[in-house]
Amino acid sequence: MHSKLTRRRLLRRVAALGVLGVAGTGCGKEKPKPLVCTDTMGLSPTDLQVRTALAYADMSVTPGKMCSNCQQYLEGPPNACGSCKIVKGPINPAGNCKSYIAKPAS
């Protein structure tokens, strides 16, 4: 038995396929969580004072001035906090502070 394909049925099928297509594109993909390097529990009061005095920020607001391209930055494992020669504690590669010195061009 053949049922007649009406315009209404066609539109319903197209809409259903569209919903399935949109739902299928997001399955299994999680947005990566932003890296947070603000845990200062193990730092001494002096280290905390230096960190505050140098205005360390976990996210730089100055384009191009990020810890990842600073001479003082020491890279950590992939997708993890690094460290710094001056500011103690975990350092976000996307962070910034007053002690920023650009790495020389290679």
N, C-alpha and C. Protein backbone atom coordinates (compact mmCIF):
# COMPACT_ATOMS: atom_id res chain seq x y z
N MET A 1 0.82 -1.17 0.00
CA MET A 1 0.00 0.00 0.00
C MET A 1 0.87 1.25 0.00
N HIS A 2 0.66 2.10 -0.95
CA HIS A 2 1.38 3.36 -1.04
C HIS A 2 0.51 4.46 -0.46
N SER A 3 1.13 5.21 0.47
CA SER A 3 0.39 6.36 0.96
C SER A 3 0.90 7.57 0.21
N LYS A 4 0.03 8.46 -0.05
CA LYS A 4 0.37 9.64 -0.82
C LYS A 4 1.22 10.58 0.04
N LEU A 5 2.31 11.05 -0.53
CA LEU A 5 3.16 11.98 0.17
C LEU A 5 2.60 13.39 -0.02
N THR A 6 2.05 13.89 1.05
CA THR A 6 1.47 15.23 0.97
C THR A 6 2.52 16.26 1.37
N ARG A 7 2.22 17.47 1.10
CA ARG A 7 3.12 18.56 1.47
C ARG A 7 3.33 18.59 2.99
N ARG A 8 2.28 18.36 3.73
CA ARG A 8 2.36 18.37 5.19
C ARG A 8 3.31 17.26 5.68
N ARG A 9 3.19 16.05 5.13
CA ARG A 9 4.07 14.95 5.53
C ARG A 9 5.51 15.24 5.14
N LEU A 10 5.71 15.81 3.99
CA LEU A 10 7.04 16.15 3.54
C LEU A 10 7.69 17.17 4.49
N LEU A 11 6.93 18.20 4.86
CA LEU A 11 7.46 19.21 5.77
C LEU A 11 7.79 18.62 7.14
N ARG A 12 6.97 17.71 7.63
CA ARG A 12 7.23 17.06 8.92
C ARG A 12 8.52 16.25 8.87
N ARG A 13 8.72 15.52 7.76
CA ARG A 13 9.92 14.70 7.62
C ARG A 13 11.17 15.57 7.54
N VAL A 14 11.09 16.65 6.80
CA VAL A 14 12.23 17.56 6.69
C VAL A 14 12.54 18.17 8.05
N ALA A 15 11.52 18.57 8.79
CA ALA A 15 11.72 19.14 10.12
C ALA A 15 12.34 18.11 11.05
N ALA A 16 11.89 16.88 11.00
CA ALA A 16 12.43 15.82 11.86
C ALA A 16 13.89 15.56 11.52
N LEU A 17 14.24 15.55 10.25
CA LEU A 17 15.62 15.35 9.87
C LEU A 17 16.50 16.50 10.34
N GLY A 18 15.97 17.70 10.28
CA GLY A 18 16.72 18.87 10.76
C GLY A 18 17.01 18.78 12.24
N VAL A 19 16.01 18.37 13.02
CA VAL A 19 16.19 18.22 14.46
C VAL A 19 17.23 17.15 14.75
N LEU A 20 17.16 16.02 14.06
CA LEU A 20 18.12 14.95 14.26
C LEU A 20 19.53 15.41 13.88
N GLY A 21 19.64 16.17 12.82
CA GLY A 21 20.95 16.67 12.40
C GLY A 21 21.57 17.59 13.42
N VAL A 22 20.78 18.49 13.97
CA VAL A 22 21.29 19.41 14.98
C VAL A 22 21.64 18.66 16.26
N ALA A 23 20.81 17.75 16.68
CA ALA A 23 21.06 17.00 17.90
C ALA A 23 22.29 16.11 17.74
N GLY A 24 22.51 15.58 16.58
CA GLY A 24 23.63 14.69 16.33
C GLY A 24 24.97 15.40 16.34
N THR A 25 25.00 16.68 16.00
CA THR A 25 26.29 17.37 15.93
C THR A 25 26.86 17.67 17.30
N GLY A 26 26.06 17.75 18.34
CA GLY A 26 26.57 18.08 19.66
C GLY A 26 26.82 16.89 20.55
N CYS A 27 26.47 15.71 20.11
CA CYS A 27 26.59 14.53 20.96
C CYS A 27 28.05 14.17 21.19
N GLY A 28 28.38 13.91 22.44
CA GLY A 28 29.71 13.44 22.78
C GLY A 28 30.78 14.51 22.81
N LYS A 29 30.46 15.73 22.52
CA LYS A 29 31.46 16.79 22.52
C LYS A 29 31.22 17.71 23.70
N GLU A 30 32.21 17.81 24.57
CA GLU A 30 32.12 18.73 25.69
C GLU A 30 33.07 19.88 25.41
N LYS A 31 32.65 21.06 25.80
CA LYS A 31 33.54 22.20 25.67
C LYS A 31 34.65 22.04 26.69
N PRO A 32 35.90 22.31 26.28
CA PRO A 32 36.97 22.20 27.26
C PRO A 32 36.80 23.27 28.35
N LYS A 33 37.07 22.87 29.57
CA LYS A 33 36.96 23.81 30.68
C LYS A 33 38.15 24.75 30.63
N PRO A 34 37.93 26.03 30.92
CA PRO A 34 39.06 26.96 30.92
C PRO A 34 40.03 26.60 32.04
N LEU A 35 41.29 26.81 31.78
CA LEU A 35 42.33 26.52 32.76
C LEU A 35 42.29 27.56 33.88
N VAL A 36 42.25 27.10 35.12
CA VAL A 36 42.23 27.99 36.28
C VAL A 36 43.46 27.69 37.13
N CYS A 37 44.27 28.72 37.36
CA CYS A 37 45.52 28.56 38.09
C CYS A 37 45.56 29.52 39.28
N THR A 38 44.58 29.43 40.14
CA THR A 38 44.46 30.37 41.25
C THR A 38 44.61 29.74 42.63
N ASP A 39 44.96 28.45 42.70
CA ASP A 39 45.10 27.77 43.99
C ASP A 39 46.42 28.20 44.64
N THR A 40 46.35 29.03 45.67
CA THR A 40 47.54 29.54 46.33
C THR A 40 47.65 29.01 47.77
N MET A 41 47.00 27.91 48.06
CA MET A 41 46.97 27.36 49.42
C MET A 41 48.37 27.07 49.98
N GLY A 42 49.31 26.62 49.17
CA GLY A 42 50.62 26.24 49.67
C GLY A 42 51.63 27.37 49.72
N LEU A 43 51.23 28.58 49.40
CA LEU A 43 52.17 29.70 49.36
C LEU A 43 52.34 30.37 50.71
N SER A 44 53.52 30.88 50.94
CA SER A 44 53.78 31.63 52.17
C SER A 44 53.15 33.01 52.07
N PRO A 45 52.95 33.67 53.21
CA PRO A 45 52.40 35.03 53.15
C PRO A 45 53.25 35.98 52.29
N THR A 46 54.57 35.80 52.32
CA THR A 46 55.46 36.64 51.50
C THR A 46 55.22 36.38 50.01
N ASP A 47 55.11 35.11 49.63
CA ASP A 47 54.84 34.77 48.22
C ASP A 47 53.49 35.32 47.77
N LEU A 48 52.50 35.25 48.65
CA LEU A 48 51.19 35.81 48.33
C LEU A 48 51.27 37.33 48.15
N GLN A 49 52.07 37.95 48.98
CA GLN A 49 52.23 39.40 48.91
C GLN A 49 52.88 39.81 47.58
N VAL A 50 53.90 39.06 47.16
CA VAL A 50 54.56 39.33 45.87
C VAL A 50 53.57 39.13 44.73
N ARG A 51 52.82 38.04 44.80
CA ARG A 51 51.83 37.74 43.75
C ARG A 51 50.81 38.88 43.63
N THR A 52 50.38 39.40 44.78
CA THR A 52 49.43 40.50 44.79
C THR A 52 50.08 41.80 44.32
N ALA A 53 51.30 42.09 44.81
CA ALA A 53 51.99 43.33 44.44
C ALA A 53 52.28 43.39 42.94
N LEU A 54 52.55 42.23 42.33
CA LEU A 54 52.81 42.20 40.89
C LEU A 54 51.53 42.06 40.07
N ALA A 55 50.39 42.09 40.75
CA ALA A 55 49.07 42.08 40.11
C ALA A 55 48.88 40.92 39.15
N TYR A 56 49.26 39.71 39.61
CA TYR A 56 49.05 38.53 38.76
C TYR A 56 47.56 38.37 38.49
N ALA A 57 47.21 38.18 37.22
CA ALA A 57 45.83 37.91 36.81
C ALA A 57 45.82 36.61 36.03
N ASP A 58 44.86 35.76 36.31
CA ASP A 58 44.77 34.45 35.66
C ASP A 58 44.47 34.56 34.16
N MET A 59 43.88 35.67 33.74
CA MET A 59 43.61 35.93 32.32
C MET A 59 44.09 37.34 31.98
N SER A 60 44.96 37.44 30.99
CA SER A 60 45.48 38.74 30.58
C SER A 60 44.40 39.57 29.91
N VAL A 61 44.40 40.85 30.19
CA VAL A 61 43.47 41.76 29.52
C VAL A 61 44.21 42.60 28.48
N THR A 62 45.52 42.39 28.39
CA THR A 62 46.34 43.11 27.43
C THR A 62 46.71 42.18 26.28
N PRO A 63 46.20 42.45 25.07
CA PRO A 63 46.50 41.57 23.94
C PRO A 63 48.02 41.43 23.72
N GLY A 64 48.45 40.20 23.54
CA GLY A 64 49.85 39.92 23.27
C GLY A 64 50.73 39.82 24.50
N LYS A 65 50.27 40.27 25.64
CA LYS A 65 51.05 40.18 26.88
C LYS A 65 50.48 39.08 27.76
N MET A 66 50.93 37.87 27.48
CA MET A 66 50.48 36.71 28.25
C MET A 66 51.70 35.99 28.80
N CYS A 67 51.51 35.32 29.91
CA CYS A 67 52.61 34.60 30.55
C CYS A 67 53.30 33.64 29.57
N SER A 68 52.55 33.02 28.69
CA SER A 68 53.13 32.04 27.77
C SER A 68 54.21 32.63 26.87
N ASN A 69 54.19 33.96 26.66
CA ASN A 69 55.25 34.56 25.84
C ASN A 69 56.10 35.53 26.66
N CYS A 70 56.25 35.23 27.95
CA CYS A 70 57.08 36.02 28.87
C CYS A 70 58.38 35.25 29.16
N GLN A 71 59.47 35.98 29.32
CA GLN A 71 60.77 35.36 29.62
C GLN A 71 60.76 34.66 30.97
N GLN A 72 59.91 35.09 31.89
CA GLN A 72 59.90 34.54 33.24
C GLN A 72 59.08 33.25 33.35
N TYR A 73 58.26 32.95 32.34
CA TYR A 73 57.32 31.82 32.41
C TYR A 73 58.03 30.49 32.19
N LEU A 74 57.69 29.51 33.01
CA LEU A 74 58.19 28.14 32.88
C LEU A 74 57.00 27.25 32.54
N GLU A 75 57.01 26.70 31.35
CA GLU A 75 55.87 25.92 30.85
C GLU A 75 55.67 24.65 31.66
N GLY A 76 54.40 24.32 31.88
CA GLY A 76 54.03 23.08 32.56
C GLY A 76 53.61 22.03 31.54
N PRO A 77 53.01 20.94 31.99
CA PRO A 77 52.51 19.92 31.07
C PRO A 77 51.40 20.50 30.19
N PRO A 78 51.08 19.85 29.05
CA PRO A 78 49.99 20.34 28.20
C PRO A 78 48.69 20.47 28.97
N ASN A 79 47.96 21.56 28.72
CA ASN A 79 46.67 21.84 29.36
C ASN A 79 46.76 21.90 30.88
N ALA A 80 47.89 22.39 31.39
CA ALA A 80 48.07 22.52 32.84
C ALA A 80 48.75 23.85 33.13
N CYS A 81 48.72 24.24 34.40
CA CYS A 81 49.37 25.48 34.82
C CYS A 81 50.88 25.33 34.74
N GLY A 82 51.54 26.43 34.48
CA GLY A 82 52.99 26.46 34.49
C GLY A 82 53.45 27.12 35.78
N SER A 83 54.67 27.66 35.74
CA SER A 83 55.19 28.38 36.89
C SER A 83 55.96 29.59 36.39
N CYS A 84 56.51 30.36 37.31
CA CYS A 84 57.19 31.60 36.97
C CYS A 84 58.45 31.73 37.81
N LYS A 85 59.45 32.38 37.27
CA LYS A 85 60.70 32.60 37.99
C LYS A 85 60.53 33.64 39.10
N ILE A 86 59.51 34.50 38.99
CA ILE A 86 59.32 35.59 39.94
C ILE A 86 58.09 35.39 40.81
N VAL A 87 56.94 35.09 40.18
CA VAL A 87 55.67 34.92 40.89
C VAL A 87 55.52 33.44 41.25
N LYS A 88 55.40 33.15 42.51
CA LYS A 88 55.26 31.76 42.99
C LYS A 88 53.81 31.29 42.84
N GLY A 89 53.66 29.99 42.76
CA GLY A 89 52.33 29.39 42.64
C GLY A 89 52.01 29.03 41.21
N PRO A 90 50.82 28.46 40.98
CA PRO A 90 50.43 28.07 39.63
C PRO A 90 50.21 29.29 38.75
N ILE A 91 50.68 29.20 37.50
CA ILE A 91 50.59 30.33 36.57
C ILE A 91 49.88 29.88 35.30
N ASN A 92 48.84 30.60 34.94
CA ASN A 92 48.08 30.32 33.73
C ASN A 92 48.86 30.87 32.53
N PRO A 93 49.07 30.07 31.48
CA PRO A 93 49.76 30.57 30.29
C PRO A 93 49.07 31.79 29.69
N ALA A 94 47.76 31.93 29.93
CA ALA A 94 47.00 33.07 29.41
C ALA A 94 46.97 34.23 30.40
N GLY A 95 47.70 34.11 31.52
CA GLY A 95 47.71 35.14 32.55
C GLY A 95 48.67 36.27 32.23
N ASN A 96 48.82 37.17 33.22
CA ASN A 96 49.71 38.31 33.06
C ASN A 96 49.99 38.90 34.43
N CYS A 97 51.12 39.63 34.53
CA CYS A 97 51.43 40.40 35.73
C CYS A 97 52.36 41.55 35.36
N LYS A 98 52.72 42.34 36.36
CA LYS A 98 53.56 43.53 36.12
C LYS A 98 55.00 43.18 35.76
N SER A 99 55.44 41.96 36.03
CA SER A 99 56.83 41.58 35.74
C SER A 99 56.99 41.02 34.32
N TYR A 100 55.99 41.19 33.49
CA TYR A 100 56.02 40.66 32.11
C TYR A 100 57.20 41.25 31.32
N ILE A 101 57.99 40.37 30.73
CA ILE A 101 59.05 40.75 29.81
C ILE A 101 58.92 39.84 28.60
N ALA A 102 58.68 40.43 27.44
CA ALA A 102 58.47 39.64 26.22
C ALA A 102 59.69 38.78 25.89
N LYS A 103 59.44 37.56 25.45
CA LYS A 103 60.52 36.71 24.97
C LYS A 103 61.10 37.34 23.72
N PRO A 104 62.40 37.21 23.51
CA PRO A 104 62.97 37.75 22.28
C PRO A 104 62.45 36.97 21.07
N ALA A 105 62.31 37.68 19.96
CA ALA A 105 61.84 37.03 18.72
C ALA A 105 62.88 35.99 18.28
N SER A 106 62.38 34.81 17.87
CA SER A 106 63.31 33.76 17.45
C SER A 106 63.67 33.89 16.01
